C-alpha atoms as a PDB file:
ATOM      1  CA  MET A   1      50.882 -12.640  42.954  1.00  0.00           C
ATOM      2  CA  LYS A   2      49.832 -12.034  46.516  1.00  0.00           C
ATOM      3  CA  GLY A   3      51.866 -10.790  49.376  1.00  0.00           C
ATOM      4  CA  HIS A   4      51.044  -9.308  52.779  1.00  0.00           C
ATOM      5  CA  GLY A   5      47.394  -8.824  51.910  1.00  0.00           C
ATOM      6  CA  LYS A   6      48.103  -6.624  48.902  1.00  0.00           C
ATOM      7  CA  GLU A   7      47.808  -7.843  45.365  1.00  0.00           C
ATOM      8  CA  LEU A   8      50.974  -7.165  43.383  1.00  0.00           C
ATOM      9  CA  LYS A   9      50.543  -6.095  39.790  1.00  0.00           C
ATOM     10  CA  GLU A  10      52.431  -7.634  36.944  1.00  0.00           C
ATOM     11  CA  PRO A  11      54.874  -5.392  35.090  1.00  0.00           C
ATOM     12  CA  GLY A  12      53.299  -3.793  32.041  1.00  0.00           C
ATOM     13  CA  ILE A  13      49.746  -3.993  33.418  1.00  0.00           C
ATOM     14  CA  THR A  14      47.803  -0.849  34.271  1.00  0.00           C
ATOM     15  CA  GLY A  15      45.280  -0.451  37.081  1.00  0.00           C
ATOM     16  CA  ASN A  16      42.413  -1.640  34.889  1.00  0.00           C
ATOM     17  CA  GLY A  17      44.187  -4.857  33.856  1.00  0.00           C
ATOM     18  CA  ILE A  18      44.906  -3.822  30.259  1.00  0.00           C
ATOM     19  CA  PRO A  19      48.550  -4.047  29.176  1.00  0.00           C
ATOM     20  CA  ARG A  20      50.147  -0.646  28.636  1.00  0.00           C
ATOM     21  CA  ARG A  21      51.310  -1.681  25.194  1.00  0.00           C
ATOM     22  CA  ASN A  22      47.696  -2.260  24.136  1.00  0.00           C
ATOM     23  CA  GLN A  23      46.621   1.082  25.582  1.00  0.00           C
ATOM     24  CA  ALA A  24      49.417   2.890  23.759  1.00  0.00           C
ATOM     25  CA  ARG A  25      48.536   1.098  20.531  1.00  0.00           C
ATOM     26  CA  ALA A  26      44.855   2.018  20.903  1.00  0.00           C
ATOM     27  CA  ALA A  27      45.773   5.663  21.491  1.00  0.00           C
ATOM     28  CA  ALA A  28      47.988   5.654  18.405  1.00  0.00           C
ATOM     29  CA  VAL A  29      45.203   4.153  16.297  1.00  0.00           C
ATOM     30  CA  VAL A  30      42.771   6.793  17.576  1.00  0.00           C
ATOM     31  CA  VAL A  31      45.212   9.591  16.680  1.00  0.00           C
ATOM     32  CA  VAL A  32      45.724   8.285  13.144  1.00  0.00           C
ATOM     33  CA  ALA A  33      42.026   7.554  12.565  1.00  0.00           C
ATOM     34  CA  ALA A  34      40.937  10.935  13.959  1.00  0.00           C
ATOM     35  CA  PHE A  35      43.450  12.749  11.784  1.00  0.00           C
ATOM     36  CA  MET A  36      42.459  10.861   8.631  1.00  0.00           C
ATOM     37  CA  LEU A  37      38.727  11.316   9.268  1.00  0.00           C
ATOM     38  CA  TRP A  38      39.214  14.962  10.177  1.00  0.00           C
ATOM     39  CA  MET A  39      41.088  15.686   6.962  1.00  0.00           C
ATOM     40  CA  GLY A  40      38.658  13.609   4.903  1.00  0.00           C
ATOM     41  CA  PHE A  41      35.561  15.292   6.292  1.00  0.00           C
ATOM     42  CA  SER A  42      37.160  18.720   5.894  1.00  0.00           C
ATOM     43  CA  TRP A  43      37.858  18.033   2.243  1.00  0.00           C
ATOM     44  CA  LEU A  44      34.451  16.451   1.646  1.00  0.00           C
ATOM     45  CA  GLY A  45      32.652  19.318   3.382  1.00  0.00           C
ATOM     46  CA  GLY A  46      34.421  21.810   1.153  1.00  0.00           C
ATOM     47  CA  GLU A  47      33.602  19.821  -1.970  1.00  0.00           C
ATOM     48  CA  LEU A  48      29.939  19.423  -1.068  1.00  0.00           C
ATOM     49  CA  GLY A  49      29.541  22.952   0.248  1.00  0.00           C
ATOM     50  CA  LEU A  50      28.339  21.857   3.676  1.00  0.00           C
ATOM     51  CA  PRO A  51      27.665  24.556   6.286  1.00  0.00           C
ATOM     52  CA  VAL A  52      30.561  25.601   8.502  1.00  0.00           C
ATOM     53  CA  ARG A  53      28.811  24.256  11.609  1.00  0.00           C
ATOM     54  CA  TYR A  54      29.541  20.713  10.385  1.00  0.00           C
ATOM     55  CA  ALA A  55      33.207  21.589  10.050  1.00  0.00           C
ATOM     56  CA  PHE A  56      33.194  22.787  13.666  1.00  0.00           C
ATOM     57  CA  LEU A  57      31.465  19.592  14.745  1.00  0.00           C
ATOM     58  CA  VAL A  58      34.152  17.465  13.081  1.00  0.00           C
ATOM     59  CA  ASP A  59      36.884  19.729  14.496  1.00  0.00           C
ATOM     60  CA  PHE A  60      35.575  19.305  18.037  1.00  0.00           C
ATOM     61  CA  ALA A  61      35.251  15.534  17.591  1.00  0.00           C
ATOM     62  CA  ALA A  62      38.870  15.384  16.408  1.00  0.00           C
ATOM     63  CA  LEU A  63      39.993  17.529  19.346  1.00  0.00           C
ATOM     64  CA  ALA A  64      38.170  15.210  21.751  1.00  0.00           C
ATOM     65  CA  ALA A  65      39.911  12.189  20.196  1.00  0.00           C
ATOM     66  CA  PHE A  66      43.317  13.889  20.409  1.00  0.00           C
ATOM     67  CA  PHE A  67      42.706  14.890  24.027  1.00  0.00           C
ATOM     68  CA  TRP A  68      41.659  11.347  24.969  1.00  0.00           C
ATOM     69  CA  SER A  69      44.766   9.939  23.293  1.00  0.00           C
ATOM     70  CA  PHE A  70      46.968  12.460  25.073  1.00  0.00           C
ATOM     71  CA  VAL A  71      45.503  11.526  28.461  1.00  0.00           C
ATOM     72  CA  VAL A  72      45.922   7.797  27.784  1.00  0.00           C
ATOM     73  CA  LEU A  73      49.510   8.221  26.579  1.00  0.00           C
ATOM     74  CA  VAL A  74      50.453  10.365  29.579  1.00  0.00           C
ATOM     75  CA  ARG A  75      48.979   7.753  31.926  1.00  0.00           C
ATOM     76  CA  VAL A  76      50.892   4.975  30.138  1.00  0.00           C
ATOM     77  CA  TRP A  77      54.086   7.016  30.264  1.00  0.00           C
ATOM     78  CA  ARG A  78      53.682   7.753  33.989  1.00  0.00           C
ATOM     79  CA  LYS A  79      52.926   4.113  34.815  1.00  0.00           C
ATOM     80  CA  SER A  80      55.968   2.954  32.861  1.00  0.00           C
ATOM     81  CA  ARG A  81      58.214   5.441  34.683  1.00  0.00           C
ATOM     82  CA  LEU A  82      56.902   4.351  38.078  1.00  0.00           C
ATOM     83  CA  GLY A  83      56.796   0.610  37.626  1.00  0.00           C
ATOM     84  CA  GLY A  84      58.847  -0.302  34.595  1.00  0.00           C
ATOM     85  CA  ILE A  85      57.494  -1.796  31.429  1.00  0.00           C
END
């Protein structure tokens, strides 16, 4: 919709045009996948006797995924509080 030279956003749409529900769902999938892969690689590394540096690599990758999900979920939460769902 257009009004007074400014484009009005539809409810439930973020600044990049992706619905908040889809962003929240993607963040949830990333959290679950990161957790499952993290636990799986930790177990597999222990079973195979891989060096500890690989465990740290997987730990940091999981932390990056959790941080990204946290940022996305906070942005979705803030947008929903400001503009409704």
